[in-house]
C-alpha atoms as a PDB file:
ATOM      1  CA  VAL A   1       0.000   0.000   0.000  1.00  0.00           C
ATOM      2  CA  LYS A   2       1.417   3.356  -1.015  1.00  0.00           C
ATOM      3  CA  LEU A   3       1.073   5.923   1.771  1.00  0.00           C
ATOM      4  CA  TRP A   4       1.770   9.051  -0.305  1.00  0.00           C
ATOM      5  CA  THR A   5       0.226  10.593  -3.418  1.00  0.00           C
ATOM      6  CA  GLN A   6       3.380  11.975  -5.021  1.00  0.00           C
ATOM      7  CA  GLU A   7       7.165  12.085  -4.605  1.00  0.00           C
ATOM      8  CA  VAL A   8       8.708  15.550  -4.530  1.00  0.00           C
ATOM      9  CA  HIS A   9      12.509  15.830  -4.747  1.00  0.00           C
ATOM     10  CA  LYS A  10      14.102  18.913  -3.140  1.00  0.00           C
ATOM     11  CA  THR A  11      17.614  20.382  -3.134  1.00  0.00           C
ATOM     12  CA  ALA A  12      16.760  23.730  -1.492  1.00  0.00           C
ATOM     13  CA  ASN A  13      14.687  24.933   1.463  1.00  0.00           C
ATOM     14  CA  TYR A  14      10.963  24.554   0.830  1.00  0.00           C
ATOM     15  CA  THR A  15       7.734  25.850   2.351  1.00  0.00           C
ATOM     16  CA  CYS A  16       5.037  23.190   2.201  1.00  0.00           C
ATOM     17  CA  LEU A  17       1.650  24.179   0.816  1.00  0.00           C
ATOM     18  CA  ALA A  18      -1.793  22.864   1.711  1.00  0.00           C
ATOM     19  CA  SER A  19      -1.805  21.192  -1.715  1.00  0.00           C
ATOM     20  CA  ASP A  20       1.329  19.222  -0.717  1.00  0.00           C
ATOM     21  CA  SER A  21      -0.654  17.131   1.754  1.00  0.00           C
ATOM     22  CA  GLY A  22      -0.050  13.461   1.066  1.00  0.00           C
ATOM     23  CA  SER A  23       3.389  14.052  -0.459  1.00  0.00           C
ATOM     24  CA  LEU A  24       6.667  12.276   0.173  1.00  0.00           C
ATOM     25  CA  PHE A  25       9.437  14.891   0.191  1.00  0.00           C
ATOM     26  CA  ILE A  26      12.882  13.530  -0.617  1.00  0.00           C
ATOM     27  CA  GLN A  27      15.910  15.605   0.347  1.00  0.00           C
ATOM     28  CA  ASP A  28      18.385  14.924  -2.450  1.00  0.00           C
ATOM     29  CA  SER A  29      21.267  17.212  -1.444  1.00  0.00           C
ATOM     30  CA  GLY A  30      22.336  20.044   0.830  1.00  0.00           C
ATOM     31  CA  THR A  31      21.187  20.946   4.311  1.00  0.00           C
ATOM     32  CA  LEU A  32      17.461  21.697   3.988  1.00  0.00           C
ATOM     33  CA  THR A  33      14.615  23.077   6.034  1.00  0.00           C
ATOM     34  CA  PHE A  34      11.054  22.103   5.232  1.00  0.00           C
ATOM     35  CA  THR A  35       8.657  24.701   6.638  1.00  0.00           C
ATOM     36  CA  LEU A  36       5.149  23.513   7.432  1.00  0.00           C
ATOM     37  CA  PRO A  37       2.145  25.681   6.516  1.00  0.00           C
ATOM     38  CA  THR A  38       0.042  27.635   9.000  1.00  0.00           C
ATOM     39  CA  LEU A  39      -2.197  25.400  11.088  1.00  0.00           C
ATOM     40  CA  LEU A  40      -5.634  26.529   9.937  1.00  0.00           C
ATOM     41  CA  ALA A  41      -4.697  26.536   6.262  1.00  0.00           C
ATOM     42  CA  VAL A  42      -4.359  22.770   6.003  1.00  0.00           C
ATOM     43  CA  PRO A  43      -7.078  20.592   7.515  1.00  0.00           C
ATOM     44  CA  ASP A  44      -6.082  16.900   7.388  1.00  0.00           C
ATOM     45  CA  PHE A  45      -2.472  17.733   6.430  1.00  0.00           C
ATOM     46  CA  ILE A  46      -0.024  14.829   6.340  1.00  0.00           C
ATOM     47  CA  ALA A  47       3.399  14.612   4.715  1.00  0.00           C
ATOM     48  CA  PHE A  48       6.352  12.252   4.716  1.00  0.00           C
ATOM     49  CA  PHE A  49      10.024  13.284   4.646  1.00  0.00           C
ATOM     50  CA  LEU A  50      13.051  11.187   3.642  1.00  0.00           C
ATOM     51  CA  ASN A  51      16.707  12.226   3.615  1.00  0.00           C
ATOM     52  CA  VAL A  52      18.968  10.553   1.041  1.00  0.00           C
ATOM     53  CA  SER A  53      21.670  13.194   1.492  1.00  0.00           C
ATOM     54  CA  ALA A  54      24.507  13.180   4.026  1.00  0.00           C
ATOM     55  CA  THR A  55      23.468  16.596   5.361  1.00  0.00           C
ATOM     56  CA  ALA A  56      20.976  17.698   8.020  1.00  0.00           C
ATOM     57  CA  MET A  57      17.232  17.864   7.420  1.00  0.00           C
ATOM     58  CA  ALA A  58      14.950  20.101   9.501  1.00  0.00           C
ATOM     59  CA  ILE A  59      11.163  20.310   9.755  1.00  0.00           C
ATOM     60  CA  THR A  60       9.869  23.659  11.048  1.00  0.00           C
ATOM     61  CA  ALA A  61       6.330  24.413  12.230  1.00  0.00           C
ATOM     62  CA  PRO A  62       4.703  27.613  13.460  1.00  0.00           C
ATOM     63  CA  ALA A  63       6.311  28.654  16.774  1.00  0.00           C
ATOM     64  CA  GLY A  64       5.740  26.095  19.535  1.00  0.00           C
ATOM     65  CA  LYS A  65       3.295  24.009  17.477  1.00  0.00           C
ATOM     66  CA  LEU A  66       5.350  20.880  16.819  1.00  0.00           C
ATOM     67  CA  ILE A  67       5.135  17.798  19.012  1.00  0.00           C
ATOM     68  CA  VAL A  68       8.301  15.701  18.760  1.00  0.00           C
ATOM     69  CA  ASP A  69       9.582  12.957  21.038  1.00  0.00           C
ATOM     70  CA  GLY A  70      10.445  14.733  24.279  1.00  0.00           C
ATOM     71  CA  SER A  71       8.816  18.090  23.501  1.00  0.00           C
ATOM     72  CA  ALA A  72       5.198  19.239  23.315  1.00  0.00           C
ATOM     73  CA  THR A  73       6.099  22.802  22.335  1.00  0.00           C
ATOM     74  CA  ALA A  74       8.879  22.541  19.761  1.00  0.00           C
ATOM     75  CA  THR A  75       9.181  24.659  16.639  1.00  0.00           C
ATOM     76  CA  THR A  76      11.817  22.638  14.753  1.00  0.00           C
ATOM     77  CA  GLY A  77      12.824  18.999  14.578  1.00  0.00           C
ATOM     78  CA  THR A  78      16.278  18.394  13.080  1.00  0.00           C
ATOM     79  CA  PHE A  79      17.839  15.144  11.887  1.00  0.00           C
ATOM     80  CA  SER A  80      21.602  15.636  12.057  1.00  0.00           C
ATOM     81  CA  THR A  81      23.200  12.684  13.880  1.00  0.00           C
ATOM     82  CA  ALA A  82      26.534  11.958  12.181  1.00  0.00           C
ATOM     83  CA  SER A  83      26.642   8.644  10.290  1.00  0.00           C
ATOM     84  CA  HIS A  84      22.843   8.243  10.612  1.00  0.00           C
ATOM     85  CA  ILE A  85      21.577  11.150   8.509  1.00  0.00           C
ATOM     86  CA  ILE A  86      21.099   9.199   5.277  1.00  0.00           C
ATOM     87  CA  GLY A  87      17.834   7.338   5.645  1.00  0.00           C
ATOM     88  CA  SER A  88      16.330   9.718   8.197  1.00  0.00           C
ATOM     89  CA  ALA A  89      12.576   9.555   7.702  1.00  0.00           C
ATOM     90  CA  CYS A  90       9.497  10.936   9.393  1.00  0.00           C
ATOM     91  CA  MET A  91       5.802  11.619   9.018  1.00  0.00           C
ATOM     92  CA  VAL A  92       4.179  14.891  10.058  1.00  0.00           C
ATOM     93  CA  PHE A  93       0.443  15.284  10.504  1.00  0.00           C
ATOM     94  CA  LEU A  94      -1.937  17.948  11.786  1.00  0.00           C
ATOM     95  CA  ASN A  95      -4.205  16.956  14.657  1.00  0.00           C
ATOM     96  CA  THR A  96      -7.982  17.002  14.156  1.00  0.00           C
ATOM     97  CA  ALA A  97      -8.455  20.214  16.155  1.00  0.00           C
ATOM     98  CA  GLN A  98      -5.781  21.870  13.965  1.00  0.00           C
ATOM     99  CA  THR A  99      -3.815  23.095  16.985  1.00  0.00           C
ATOM    100  CA  PHE A 100      -0.445  21.343  16.460  1.00  0.00           C
ATOM    101  CA  PHE A 101       1.648  19.214  14.098  1.00  0.00           C
ATOM    102  CA  HIS A 102       2.973  15.856  15.324  1.00  0.00           C
ATOM    103  CA  LEU A 103       6.309  14.580  13.982  1.00  0.00           C
ATOM    104  CA  VAL A 104       6.748  10.799  14.079  1.00  0.00           C
ATOM    105  CA  ASN A 105      10.362   9.648  13.574  1.00  0.00           C
ATOM    106  CA  PHE A 106      10.681   6.458  11.475  1.00  0.00           C
ATOM    107  CA  GLY A 107      14.465   6.202  11.327  1.00  0.00           C
ATOM    108  CA  GLY A 108      17.343   5.512  13.664  1.00  0.00           C
ATOM    109  CA  THR A 109      18.446   9.140  13.662  1.00  0.00           C
ATOM    110  CA  VAL A 110      17.749  11.182  16.776  1.00  0.00           C
ATOM    111  CA  CYS A 111      15.495  14.144  16.071  1.00  0.00           C
ATOM    112  CA  THR A 112      16.697  17.120  18.118  1.00  0.00           C
ATOM    113  CA  THR A 113      14.248  19.900  18.912  1.00  0.00           C
ATOM    114  CA  SER A 114      14.323  23.626  19.289  1.00  0.00           C
END
């Protein structure tokens, strides 16, 4: 079963749009930041992120609206653990009340928060 509707390859920072919901974003090169859209603009938003580059990948939400392992009020989750960056993968979804994004880490890379 395919979980995403399209694969989107990126080599530069990118701001996700409501229309990107359901996408798998693949970081092909360079240190990138994927910025999530505003909360109310994207009901039912879900996206997947995969790093095939040996450089850091960050997912940024509106201030304090990202839940990541260990933090209920993060803004950014970053995958940057040396020797584990390639293959970093996560899913981000918006809760039903549209009050926060939840980042679920699929890989072995630690996701640090800020």
